[in-house]
N, C-alpha and C. Protein backbone atom coordinates (compact mmCIF):
# COMPACT_ATOMS: atom_id res chain seq x y z
N UNK A 1 43.94 -13.48 -63.24
CA UNK A 1 43.39 -13.92 -61.81
C UNK A 1 42.92 -12.60 -61.12
N UNK A 2 41.75 -12.58 -60.38
CA UNK A 2 40.90 -11.56 -59.80
C UNK A 2 41.83 -11.08 -58.80
N UNK A 3 41.48 -9.69 -58.37
CA UNK A 3 42.19 -9.07 -57.50
C UNK A 3 41.20 -9.04 -56.04
N UNK A 4 41.78 -9.35 -54.96
CA UNK A 4 40.88 -9.20 -53.82
C UNK A 4 41.38 -7.97 -53.06
N UNK A 5 40.14 -7.19 -52.90
CA UNK A 5 40.25 -5.55 -52.30
C UNK A 5 40.27 -5.92 -50.56
N UNK A 6 41.35 -5.30 -50.06
CA UNK A 6 41.36 -5.28 -48.63
C UNK A 6 41.58 -3.87 -48.28
N UNK A 7 40.88 -3.57 -47.16
CA UNK A 7 40.96 -1.97 -46.74
C UNK A 7 42.17 -2.17 -45.61
N UNK A 8 42.91 -0.92 -46.01
CA UNK A 8 44.53 -1.03 -45.32
C UNK A 8 44.38 0.29 -44.35
N UNK A 9 45.20 0.26 -43.43
CA UNK A 9 45.48 1.48 -42.61
C UNK A 9 47.04 1.64 -42.53
N UNK A 10 47.60 2.60 -42.66
CA UNK A 10 49.03 2.84 -42.44
C UNK A 10 49.26 3.01 -41.09
N UNK A 11 50.44 2.39 -40.45
CA UNK A 11 50.74 2.34 -39.15
C UNK A 11 51.91 2.97 -38.93
N UNK A 12 52.02 3.54 -37.37
CA UNK A 12 53.27 4.24 -37.24
C UNK A 12 53.85 3.57 -35.94
N UNK A 13 53.37 2.71 -35.47
CA UNK A 13 54.01 1.94 -34.29
C UNK A 13 54.47 0.72 -34.69
N UNK A 14 55.72 0.50 -34.06
CA UNK A 14 56.37 -0.58 -34.70
C UNK A 14 56.99 -1.41 -33.27
N UNK A 15 57.35 -2.63 -33.55
CA UNK A 15 57.88 -3.54 -32.37
C UNK A 15 56.92 -4.30 -31.87
N UNK A 16 57.27 -5.55 -31.18
CA UNK A 16 56.52 -6.53 -30.73
C UNK A 16 55.36 -6.17 -29.84
N UNK A 17 55.49 -5.01 -29.04
CA UNK A 17 54.25 -4.74 -28.26
C UNK A 17 53.40 -3.98 -29.24
N UNK A 18 53.68 -3.24 -30.27
CA UNK A 18 52.66 -2.57 -31.13
C UNK A 18 51.97 -3.72 -31.77
N UNK A 19 52.80 -4.76 -32.25
CA UNK A 19 52.34 -5.73 -33.03
C UNK A 19 51.17 -6.84 -32.43
N UNK A 20 51.56 -6.93 -31.19
CA UNK A 20 50.58 -7.76 -30.16
C UNK A 20 49.30 -7.00 -30.15
N UNK A 21 49.49 -5.38 -29.78
CA UNK A 21 48.02 -4.68 -29.68
C UNK A 21 47.32 -4.80 -30.95
N UNK A 22 47.98 -4.80 -32.15
CA UNK A 22 47.27 -4.84 -33.28
C UNK A 22 46.50 -6.24 -33.54
N UNK A 23 47.07 -7.18 -33.24
CA UNK A 23 46.66 -8.74 -33.29
C UNK A 23 45.41 -8.83 -32.24
N UNK A 24 45.52 -7.98 -30.96
CA UNK A 24 44.24 -8.19 -30.09
C UNK A 24 43.06 -7.69 -30.64
N UNK A 25 43.08 -6.83 -31.75
CA UNK A 25 41.82 -6.23 -32.23
C UNK A 25 41.64 -7.17 -33.67
N UNK A 26 42.05 -8.49 -33.86
CA UNK A 26 41.83 -9.05 -34.79
C UNK A 26 42.25 -8.65 -36.31
N UNK A 27 43.58 -7.83 -36.09
CA UNK A 27 44.25 -7.31 -37.35
C UNK A 27 45.53 -7.96 -37.47
N UNK A 28 46.28 -7.66 -38.63
CA UNK A 28 47.53 -8.30 -38.82
C UNK A 28 48.40 -7.26 -39.23
N UNK A 29 49.62 -7.19 -38.59
CA UNK A 29 50.82 -6.27 -39.09
C UNK A 29 51.21 -6.61 -40.43
N UNK A 30 51.66 -5.67 -41.33
CA UNK A 30 52.35 -6.09 -42.42
C UNK A 30 53.22 -5.12 -43.11
N UNK A 31 54.03 -5.41 -43.95
CA UNK A 31 54.83 -4.54 -44.66
C UNK A 31 54.77 -4.59 -46.10
N UNK A 32 54.79 -3.55 -46.99
CA UNK A 32 54.81 -3.31 -48.39
C UNK A 32 55.90 -2.81 -48.97
N UNK A 33 56.66 -3.44 -49.83
CA UNK A 33 57.91 -3.15 -50.27
C UNK A 33 57.95 -3.31 -51.75
N UNK A 34 59.12 -2.89 -52.31
CA UNK A 34 59.34 -3.32 -53.70
C UNK A 34 59.21 -1.98 -54.63
N UNK A 35 60.01 -2.13 -55.75
CA UNK A 35 60.24 -1.00 -56.70
C UNK A 35 61.00 0.00 -56.29
N UNK A 36 61.94 -0.10 -55.19
CA UNK A 36 62.85 0.86 -54.69
C UNK A 36 61.94 1.92 -53.89
N UNK A 37 60.81 1.68 -53.53
CA UNK A 37 59.93 2.58 -52.96
C UNK A 37 60.33 2.55 -51.42
N UNK A 38 59.96 3.42 -50.71
CA UNK A 38 60.28 3.46 -49.11
C UNK A 38 59.10 2.26 -48.69
N UNK A 39 59.60 1.41 -47.55
CA UNK A 39 58.55 0.29 -47.11
C UNK A 39 57.51 0.75 -46.48
N UNK A 40 56.28 0.43 -46.59
CA UNK A 40 55.01 0.97 -45.91
C UNK A 40 54.76 0.14 -44.79
N UNK A 41 54.45 0.50 -43.68
CA UNK A 41 53.87 -0.45 -42.50
C UNK A 41 52.50 -0.25 -42.55
N UNK A 42 51.72 -1.49 -42.65
CA UNK A 42 50.32 -1.68 -42.79
C UNK A 42 49.65 -2.47 -41.61
N UNK A 43 48.54 -1.97 -41.52
CA UNK A 43 47.38 -2.93 -40.84
C UNK A 43 46.44 -3.34 -41.55
N UNK A 44 46.16 -4.78 -41.40
CA UNK A 44 45.16 -5.45 -42.40
C UNK A 44 44.10 -6.17 -41.59
N UNK A 45 42.98 -6.12 -41.96
CA UNK A 45 42.04 -6.73 -41.38
C UNK A 45 42.24 -8.36 -41.26
N UNK A 46 42.25 -9.12 -40.24
CA UNK A 46 42.77 -10.55 -40.02
C UNK A 46 41.83 -11.57 -40.98
N UNK A 47 40.47 -11.42 -40.77
CA UNK A 47 39.51 -12.31 -41.62
C UNK A 47 39.64 -12.07 -42.90
N UNK A 48 39.56 -11.20 -43.56
CA UNK A 48 39.75 -10.83 -44.93
C UNK A 48 41.16 -11.27 -45.41
N UNK A 49 42.13 -11.15 -44.92
CA UNK A 49 43.40 -11.62 -45.20
C UNK A 49 43.56 -13.06 -45.26
N UNK A 50 43.02 -13.53 -44.15
CA UNK A 50 42.96 -15.09 -44.20
C UNK A 50 42.14 -15.69 -45.32
N UNK A 51 41.09 -15.15 -45.63
CA UNK A 51 40.24 -15.65 -46.62
C UNK A 51 40.88 -15.54 -48.00
N UNK A 52 41.68 -14.37 -48.35
CA UNK A 52 42.39 -14.14 -49.36
C UNK A 52 43.61 -15.12 -49.66
N UNK A 53 44.24 -15.45 -48.38
CA UNK A 53 45.41 -16.10 -48.56
C UNK A 53 45.24 -17.64 -48.85
N UNK A 54 43.89 -17.90 -49.05
CA UNK A 54 43.61 -19.31 -49.27
C UNK A 54 43.82 -19.62 -50.65
N UNK A 55 43.85 -18.66 -51.43
CA UNK A 55 44.22 -18.61 -52.91
C UNK A 55 45.37 -18.44 -53.15
N UNK A 56 46.29 -19.57 -53.89
CA UNK A 56 47.62 -19.41 -54.04
C UNK A 56 47.97 -18.13 -54.96
N UNK A 57 49.08 -17.40 -54.57
CA UNK A 57 49.48 -16.23 -55.61
C UNK A 57 48.51 -15.19 -55.44
N UNK A 58 47.65 -14.94 -54.69
CA UNK A 58 46.44 -14.11 -54.63
C UNK A 58 46.90 -12.61 -55.10
N UNK A 59 46.36 -11.92 -55.77
CA UNK A 59 46.66 -10.55 -55.77
C UNK A 59 45.77 -9.75 -54.98
N UNK A 60 46.44 -8.81 -54.21
CA UNK A 60 45.91 -8.00 -53.17
C UNK A 60 45.69 -6.64 -53.44
N UNK A 61 44.57 -6.10 -53.62
CA UNK A 61 44.36 -4.62 -53.97
C UNK A 61 44.38 -3.99 -52.57
N UNK A 62 45.43 -3.24 -52.23
CA UNK A 62 45.46 -2.57 -50.82
C UNK A 62 44.73 -1.45 -50.79
N UNK A 63 43.80 -0.82 -50.28
CA UNK A 63 43.13 0.52 -50.40
C UNK A 63 42.79 1.04 -49.26
N UNK A 64 43.31 2.33 -49.06
CA UNK A 64 43.09 2.96 -47.80
C UNK A 64 43.64 4.31 -47.83
N UNK A 65 43.75 5.10 -46.67
CA UNK A 65 44.22 6.54 -46.61
C UNK A 65 45.75 6.40 -47.06
N UNK A 66 46.13 7.12 -48.18
CA UNK A 66 47.50 7.17 -48.67
C UNK A 66 48.07 5.86 -49.24
N UNK A 67 47.13 4.84 -49.36
CA UNK A 67 47.48 3.66 -49.97
C UNK A 67 46.46 3.05 -51.04
N UNK A 68 47.07 2.83 -52.42
CA UNK A 68 46.19 2.23 -53.24
C UNK A 68 47.07 1.48 -54.35
N UNK A 69 47.59 0.15 -53.83
CA UNK A 69 48.28 -0.37 -54.59
C UNK A 69 47.98 -1.77 -54.84
N UNK A 70 48.69 -2.65 -55.67
CA UNK A 70 48.39 -3.83 -55.82
C UNK A 70 49.70 -4.85 -55.34
N UNK A 71 49.46 -6.04 -54.58
CA UNK A 71 50.55 -6.72 -53.97
C UNK A 71 50.50 -8.21 -54.18
N UNK A 72 51.42 -8.81 -53.86
CA UNK A 72 51.58 -10.20 -54.02
C UNK A 72 52.17 -10.56 -52.66
N UNK A 73 51.60 -11.45 -51.94
CA UNK A 73 52.06 -11.95 -50.54
C UNK A 73 53.38 -12.91 -50.96
N UNK A 74 54.50 -12.49 -50.11
CA UNK A 74 55.86 -13.12 -50.46
C UNK A 74 56.23 -13.81 -49.15
N UNK A 75 55.51 -13.48 -48.07
CA UNK A 75 55.93 -14.08 -46.76
C UNK A 75 54.98 -14.06 -45.71
N UNK A 76 54.47 -15.06 -45.11
CA UNK A 76 53.43 -15.22 -44.25
C UNK A 76 53.95 -15.88 -42.88
N UNK A 77 54.07 -15.25 -41.52
CA UNK A 77 54.08 -15.84 -40.50
C UNK A 77 53.02 -16.06 -39.84
N UNK A 78 53.03 -17.43 -39.22
CA UNK A 78 51.56 -17.90 -38.55
C UNK A 78 52.33 -18.29 -37.28
N UNK A 79 51.35 -18.41 -36.18
CA UNK A 79 51.82 -18.96 -34.87
C UNK A 79 51.75 -20.35 -35.20
N UNK A 80 52.91 -20.70 -34.57
CA UNK A 80 53.14 -22.34 -34.67
C UNK A 80 52.00 -22.99 -34.10
N UNK A 81 51.36 -22.69 -33.27
CA UNK A 81 50.33 -23.62 -32.62
C UNK A 81 49.07 -23.25 -32.85
N UNK A 82 48.82 -22.19 -32.73
CA UNK A 82 47.26 -21.75 -33.17
C UNK A 82 47.23 -21.45 -34.66
N UNK A 83 48.13 -21.11 -35.54
CA UNK A 83 47.97 -21.05 -36.84
C UNK A 83 47.39 -19.46 -37.38
N UNK A 84 46.86 -18.84 -36.42
CA UNK A 84 46.81 -17.53 -36.89
C UNK A 84 47.89 -16.57 -37.51
N UNK A 85 47.55 -15.61 -38.37
CA UNK A 85 48.59 -15.07 -39.21
C UNK A 85 49.12 -13.90 -38.21
N UNK A 86 50.42 -14.03 -38.05
CA UNK A 86 50.99 -12.88 -37.08
C UNK A 86 51.52 -11.84 -37.89
N UNK A 87 52.04 -12.05 -39.17
CA UNK A 87 52.65 -10.92 -39.96
C UNK A 87 52.69 -11.26 -41.61
N UNK A 88 52.54 -10.23 -42.50
CA UNK A 88 52.65 -10.57 -43.77
C UNK A 88 53.63 -9.51 -44.46
N UNK A 89 54.48 -10.22 -45.32
CA UNK A 89 55.30 -9.46 -46.24
C UNK A 89 54.60 -9.33 -47.82
N UNK A 90 54.29 -8.18 -48.01
CA UNK A 90 53.72 -7.90 -49.51
C UNK A 90 54.54 -7.35 -50.26
N UNK A 91 54.82 -7.89 -51.63
CA UNK A 91 55.54 -7.22 -52.73
C UNK A 91 54.68 -6.40 -53.58
N UNK A 92 55.14 -5.28 -53.72
CA UNK A 92 54.53 -4.26 -54.43
C UNK A 92 54.67 -4.88 -56.07
N UNK A 93 53.61 -4.68 -56.80
CA UNK A 93 53.55 -5.33 -58.31
C UNK A 93 52.84 -4.50 -59.15
N UNK A 94 53.35 -4.12 -60.33
CA UNK A 94 52.67 -3.33 -61.31
C UNK A 94 52.23 -3.97 -62.55
N UNK A 95 51.07 -3.56 -63.23
CA UNK A 95 50.49 -4.38 -64.38
C UNK A 95 51.80 -4.69 -65.34
N UNK A 96 51.68 -5.78 -65.91
CA UNK A 96 52.90 -5.93 -67.14
C UNK A 96 54.17 -6.27 -66.54
N UNK A 97 54.59 -6.41 -65.35
CA UNK A 97 55.64 -6.55 -64.59
C UNK A 97 55.56 -8.10 -64.61
N UNK A 98 57.11 -8.79 -64.57
CA UNK A 98 56.88 -10.13 -64.51
C UNK A 98 57.36 -10.44 -62.98
N UNK A 99 57.00 -11.73 -62.57
CA UNK A 99 57.33 -12.07 -61.29
C UNK A 99 57.55 -13.36 -61.18
N UNK A 100 58.37 -14.01 -60.31
CA UNK A 100 58.50 -15.34 -60.13
C UNK A 100 58.02 -16.19 -58.98
N UNK A 101 57.01 -16.87 -59.36
CA UNK A 101 56.22 -17.63 -58.25
C UNK A 101 55.98 -18.89 -58.65
N UNK A 102 55.58 -19.86 -57.32
CA UNK A 102 55.57 -21.48 -57.52
C UNK A 102 53.99 -21.49 -57.81
N UNK A 103 53.58 -22.36 -58.85
CA UNK A 103 52.21 -22.83 -59.31
C UNK A 103 51.99 -24.08 -58.91
N UNK A 104 51.01 -24.65 -58.63
CA UNK A 104 50.79 -26.11 -58.34
C UNK A 104 50.54 -27.02 -59.54
N UNK A 105 51.34 -27.98 -59.53
CA UNK A 105 51.04 -29.16 -60.63
C UNK A 105 49.94 -30.15 -60.20
N UNK A 106 49.08 -30.15 -61.23
CA UNK A 106 47.95 -31.40 -60.84
C UNK A 106 47.99 -32.35 -61.83
N UNK A 107 47.65 -33.45 -61.29
CA UNK A 107 47.90 -34.73 -62.10
C UNK A 107 46.45 -35.14 -62.73
N UNK A 108 46.03 -35.58 -63.78
CA UNK A 108 44.75 -35.89 -64.18
C UNK A 108 45.08 -37.26 -65.00
N UNK A 109 43.82 -38.21 -65.04
CA UNK A 109 43.82 -39.29 -65.41
C UNK A 109 44.41 -40.42 -64.93
N UNK A 110 44.47 -41.48 -65.37
CA UNK A 110 44.84 -42.73 -64.58
C UNK A 110 45.67 -43.44 -65.74
N UNK A 111 47.05 -43.80 -65.04
CA UNK A 111 47.65 -44.93 -66.16
C UNK A 111 47.24 -46.14 -66.29
N UNK A 112 47.92 -46.81 -67.22
CA UNK A 112 47.55 -48.36 -67.68
C UNK A 112 47.50 -49.10 -66.50
N UNK A 113 46.42 -49.98 -66.20
CA UNK A 113 46.40 -51.18 -65.46
C UNK A 113 46.83 -50.87 -64.07
N UNK A 114 47.81 -51.38 -63.38
CA UNK A 114 48.10 -51.53 -61.87
C UNK A 114 49.34 -50.34 -61.76
N UNK A 115 49.65 -49.74 -63.00
CA UNK A 115 50.75 -48.79 -62.84
C UNK A 115 50.53 -47.60 -62.10
N UNK A 116 51.42 -47.18 -61.40
CA UNK A 116 51.32 -45.87 -60.48
C UNK A 116 51.90 -44.68 -60.95
N UNK A 117 51.38 -43.50 -60.36
CA UNK A 117 52.12 -42.18 -60.72
C UNK A 117 53.10 -41.85 -59.53
N UNK A 118 54.30 -41.67 -59.89
CA UNK A 118 55.20 -41.08 -58.45
C UNK A 118 55.44 -39.72 -58.90
N UNK A 119 54.85 -38.77 -58.13
CA UNK A 119 54.93 -37.24 -58.39
C UNK A 119 56.17 -36.78 -57.46
N UNK A 120 57.07 -36.14 -58.15
CA UNK A 120 58.23 -35.61 -57.45
C UNK A 120 58.31 -34.07 -57.22
N UNK A 121 57.52 -33.51 -58.05
CA UNK A 121 57.13 -31.66 -57.52
C UNK A 121 55.60 -31.66 -57.68
N UNK A 122 55.50 -31.01 -56.59
CA UNK A 122 53.89 -30.66 -56.51
C UNK A 122 53.78 -29.16 -57.01
N UNK A 123 54.69 -28.33 -57.13
CA UNK A 123 54.78 -27.07 -57.53
C UNK A 123 55.91 -26.99 -58.63
N UNK A 124 55.76 -25.83 -59.35
CA UNK A 124 56.80 -25.69 -60.09
C UNK A 124 57.01 -24.02 -60.54
N UNK A 125 58.37 -23.72 -60.27
CA UNK A 125 58.72 -22.01 -60.28
C UNK A 125 58.52 -21.80 -61.74
N UNK A 126 57.79 -20.48 -62.08
CA UNK A 126 57.72 -20.12 -63.33
C UNK A 126 57.86 -18.41 -63.20
N UNK A 127 57.89 -17.79 -64.37
CA UNK A 127 58.07 -16.32 -64.46
C UNK A 127 56.92 -16.03 -65.18
N UNK A 128 56.18 -15.13 -64.74
CA UNK A 128 54.64 -14.78 -65.33
C UNK A 128 54.51 -13.34 -65.01
N UNK A 129 53.39 -12.70 -65.75
CA UNK A 129 53.01 -11.25 -65.61
C UNK A 129 52.20 -11.31 -64.42
N UNK A 130 52.71 -10.47 -63.34
CA UNK A 130 52.23 -10.39 -61.87
C UNK A 130 50.47 -10.27 -62.00
N UNK A 131 49.81 -9.75 -62.96
CA UNK A 131 48.41 -9.53 -62.79
C UNK A 131 47.79 -10.75 -63.78
N UNK A 132 48.64 -11.66 -64.18
CA UNK A 132 48.04 -12.80 -64.75
C UNK A 132 48.68 -14.07 -64.41
N UNK A 133 48.88 -14.40 -63.15
CA UNK A 133 49.23 -15.54 -62.71
C UNK A 133 48.37 -16.90 -62.93
N UNK A 134 48.94 -17.80 -63.60
CA UNK A 134 48.07 -18.97 -63.73
C UNK A 134 47.79 -19.59 -62.36
N UNK A 135 46.52 -20.37 -62.34
CA UNK A 135 46.36 -20.94 -61.06
C UNK A 135 47.04 -22.31 -61.01
N UNK A 136 47.67 -22.80 -62.10
CA UNK A 136 48.48 -23.89 -61.89
C UNK A 136 48.71 -24.49 -63.58
N UNK A 137 49.28 -25.74 -63.38
CA UNK A 137 49.46 -26.56 -64.58
C UNK A 137 49.06 -28.06 -64.42
N UNK A 138 48.47 -28.55 -65.57
CA UNK A 138 47.90 -29.85 -65.57
C UNK A 138 48.97 -30.83 -66.22
N UNK A 139 49.00 -32.09 -65.71
CA UNK A 139 49.78 -33.03 -66.47
C UNK A 139 48.67 -34.21 -66.65
N UNK A 140 48.53 -34.77 -67.75
CA UNK A 140 47.44 -35.66 -68.15
C UNK A 140 48.51 -37.17 -68.18
N UNK A 141 48.12 -38.28 -67.40
CA UNK A 141 48.81 -39.45 -67.53
C UNK A 141 47.57 -40.46 -67.91
N UNK A 142 46.68 -39.96 -68.45
CA UNK A 142 45.67 -41.10 -68.82
C UNK A 142 46.22 -41.81 -69.97
N UNK A 143 46.11 -43.40 -69.49
CA UNK A 143 46.53 -44.39 -70.52
C UNK A 143 48.14 -44.46 -70.73
N UNK A 144 48.96 -43.85 -69.77
CA UNK A 144 50.49 -43.99 -69.84
C UNK A 144 50.70 -45.09 -69.24
N UNK A 145 51.94 -45.59 -69.69
CA UNK A 145 52.39 -46.93 -69.20
C UNK A 145 53.59 -46.76 -68.22
N UNK A 146 54.06 -47.62 -67.56
CA UNK A 146 55.36 -47.42 -66.96
C UNK A 146 56.47 -47.04 -67.64
N UNK A 147 57.37 -46.27 -67.28
CA UNK A 147 58.31 -45.58 -68.10
C UNK A 147 58.18 -44.23 -68.80
N UNK A 148 56.81 -43.79 -68.49
CA UNK A 148 56.45 -42.47 -68.95
C UNK A 148 56.95 -41.44 -67.87
N UNK A 149 57.49 -40.34 -68.35
CA UNK A 149 58.18 -39.55 -67.46
C UNK A 149 57.82 -38.06 -68.01
N UNK A 150 57.71 -37.13 -66.93
CA UNK A 150 57.48 -35.79 -67.51
C UNK A 150 58.47 -34.87 -66.68
N UNK A 151 59.30 -33.96 -67.35
CA UNK A 151 60.18 -33.04 -66.71
C UNK A 151 59.71 -31.77 -66.84
N UNK A 152 60.32 -30.98 -66.26
CA UNK A 152 59.77 -29.27 -66.15
C UNK A 152 59.69 -28.81 -67.57
N UNK A 153 60.46 -29.24 -68.43
CA UNK A 153 60.71 -28.56 -69.84
C UNK A 153 59.65 -29.19 -70.82
N UNK A 154 58.99 -30.20 -70.09
CA UNK A 154 57.74 -30.90 -71.08
C UNK A 154 56.49 -30.39 -70.55
N UNK A 155 56.42 -29.49 -69.54
CA UNK A 155 55.08 -28.75 -69.07
C UNK A 155 54.60 -27.91 -70.15
N UNK A 156 53.02 -28.09 -70.36
CA UNK A 156 52.51 -27.17 -71.19
C UNK A 156 52.10 -25.82 -70.47
N UNK A 157 52.94 -25.13 -70.33
CA UNK A 157 52.54 -23.81 -69.47
C UNK A 157 51.67 -22.65 -70.27
N UNK A 158 50.96 -22.13 -69.60
CA UNK A 158 50.23 -21.04 -70.30
C UNK A 158 50.69 -19.96 -71.10
N UNK A 159 50.21 -19.37 -72.10
CA UNK A 159 50.90 -18.37 -72.77
C UNK A 159 51.51 -17.17 -71.84
N UNK A 160 52.50 -16.72 -71.90
CA UNK A 160 53.09 -15.64 -71.36
C UNK A 160 53.77 -16.00 -69.92
N UNK A 161 53.94 -17.42 -69.79
CA UNK A 161 54.46 -17.94 -68.69
C UNK A 161 55.58 -18.78 -69.17
N UNK A 162 56.85 -18.52 -68.48
CA UNK A 162 57.98 -19.47 -68.77
C UNK A 162 58.67 -20.07 -67.45
N UNK A 163 59.23 -21.06 -67.66
CA UNK A 163 59.82 -21.64 -66.76
C UNK A 163 60.81 -20.88 -65.85
N UNK A 164 60.94 -20.97 -64.60
CA UNK A 164 62.27 -20.23 -63.98
C UNK A 164 62.96 -21.25 -63.45
N UNK A 165 62.60 -22.59 -63.08
CA UNK A 165 63.55 -23.65 -62.43
C UNK A 165 64.32 -24.28 -63.51
N UNK A 166 64.82 -25.63 -63.28
CA UNK A 166 65.48 -26.25 -63.80
C UNK A 166 64.83 -27.16 -64.77
N UNK A 167 65.22 -26.89 -66.05
CA UNK A 167 64.24 -27.60 -67.08
C UNK A 167 64.35 -28.99 -67.00
N UNK A 168 65.35 -29.79 -66.57
CA UNK A 168 65.56 -30.96 -66.53
C UNK A 168 64.87 -31.84 -65.15
N UNK A 169 64.44 -30.90 -64.38
CA UNK A 169 63.69 -31.58 -63.06
C UNK A 169 62.70 -32.54 -63.37
N UNK A 170 62.71 -33.79 -62.68
CA UNK A 170 61.67 -34.60 -63.11
C UNK A 170 60.41 -34.28 -62.17
N UNK A 171 59.32 -34.02 -62.98
CA UNK A 171 58.00 -33.72 -62.26
C UNK A 171 57.37 -34.93 -61.78
N UNK A 172 57.25 -35.90 -62.70
CA UNK A 172 56.68 -37.14 -62.34
C UNK A 172 56.88 -38.25 -63.30
N UNK A 173 56.84 -39.49 -62.78
CA UNK A 173 56.90 -40.91 -63.76
C UNK A 173 55.94 -41.87 -63.22
N UNK A 174 55.63 -42.51 -64.36
CA UNK A 174 54.59 -43.68 -64.04
C UNK A 174 55.43 -44.89 -63.99
N UNK A 175 55.40 -45.77 -62.98
CA UNK A 175 56.31 -46.77 -62.51
C UNK A 175 55.23 -48.06 -62.32
N UNK A 176 55.93 -49.27 -62.46
CA UNK A 176 55.03 -50.39 -62.25
C UNK A 176 54.60 -50.61 -60.86
N UNK A 177 53.28 -51.22 -60.51
CA UNK A 177 53.05 -51.42 -59.46
C UNK A 177 54.12 -52.36 -58.68
N UNK A 178 54.24 -52.23 -57.19
CA UNK A 178 55.13 -52.98 -56.45
C UNK A 178 54.80 -54.35 -56.49
N UNK A 179 55.55 -55.26 -56.76
CA UNK A 179 55.17 -56.53 -56.60
C UNK A 179 55.74 -57.22 -55.36
N UNK A 180 54.75 -58.15 -54.75
CA UNK A 180 54.74 -58.74 -53.40
C UNK A 180 56.30 -59.79 -53.43
N UNK A 181 57.31 -59.57 -52.68
CA UNK A 181 58.29 -60.56 -52.48
C UNK A 181 57.96 -61.89 -52.34
N UNK A 182 58.26 -62.97 -53.27
CA UNK A 182 58.20 -64.35 -52.95
C UNK A 182 59.46 -64.90 -52.56
N UNK A 183 59.60 -65.96 -51.57
CA UNK A 183 60.74 -66.60 -51.00
C UNK A 183 61.33 -67.25 -52.17
N UNK A 184 62.61 -66.86 -52.18
CA UNK A 184 63.54 -67.37 -53.27
C UNK A 184 63.69 -69.00 -53.14
N UNK A 185 63.92 -69.41 -54.34
CA UNK A 185 63.90 -70.96 -54.52
C UNK A 185 64.65 -71.70 -53.45
N UNK A 186 66.00 -71.23 -53.31
CA UNK A 186 66.98 -72.01 -52.20
C UNK A 186 66.32 -71.90 -50.94
N UNK A 187 65.78 -70.63 -50.47
CA UNK A 187 65.23 -70.83 -48.94
C UNK A 187 64.05 -71.64 -49.16
N UNK A 188 63.09 -71.77 -50.01
CA UNK A 188 61.98 -72.87 -49.88
C UNK A 188 62.66 -74.18 -49.86
N UNK A 189 63.42 -74.58 -50.41
CA UNK A 189 64.12 -76.04 -50.50
C UNK A 189 64.81 -76.41 -49.41
N UNK A 190 65.43 -75.14 -48.43
CA UNK A 190 66.10 -75.37 -47.31
C UNK A 190 64.90 -75.65 -46.41
N UNK A 191 63.86 -75.20 -46.29
CA UNK A 191 62.72 -75.34 -45.27
C UNK A 191 62.17 -76.59 -45.85
N UNK A 192 62.00 -76.97 -46.92
CA UNK A 192 61.35 -78.28 -47.10
C UNK A 192 62.17 -79.52 -46.60
N UNK A 193 63.58 -79.14 -46.87
CA UNK A 193 64.41 -80.30 -46.35
C UNK A 193 64.55 -80.51 -44.81
N UNK A 194 64.47 -79.38 -44.12
CA UNK A 194 64.31 -79.43 -42.69
C UNK A 194 63.27 -80.11 -42.26
N UNK A 195 61.96 -79.98 -42.98
CA UNK A 195 60.92 -80.52 -42.33
C UNK A 195 60.94 -82.26 -42.80
N UNK A 196 61.69 -82.46 -43.81
CA UNK A 196 61.75 -83.98 -44.22
C UNK A 196 62.79 -84.55 -43.00
N UNK A 197 63.63 -83.86 -42.56
CA UNK A 197 64.45 -84.46 -41.53
C UNK A 197 63.88 -84.85 -40.30
N UNK A 198 62.82 -83.84 -39.87
CA UNK A 198 61.83 -83.92 -38.74
C UNK A 198 61.27 -85.41 -38.90
């Protein structure tokens, strides 16, 4: 996975008032932590950060005066109404280090006939190298019939990536298409006898 470089400023003003002041300049307050290092308080450019966060598990190269680190977004707070980013928590990562992240599960292909796919999990928790996080995992259901099921342990994960969640968790299953309910014979017979009585 490629890194996104973001120009970074260290900040020494804290609190809600300072955060509001930062946001008024289209910037976002952030904290960088991890590896037992002292937490760094940062200011990031809002637009560049918004673009970077469109990629799941994006690696951000933070560069600025006193900062040159690789980080993984671990918590993003957004305004509940307007949706802009209010604050972001960044986890410091090192090359070769393992991290636990959620990656998307994508379904490809079409099952047999009128059978349908019932997907239980849209993401799966995995442990992988911080600088080689896979973009996702695919499950091919082409030609599969009702009764076909995939559990977490069945997923074909990329090399160097291992499952971090429950291996028995159901990811998806192929089920028969729902059949329209017909009236039962007893109900139909009662209706007919009522008509005859009239």
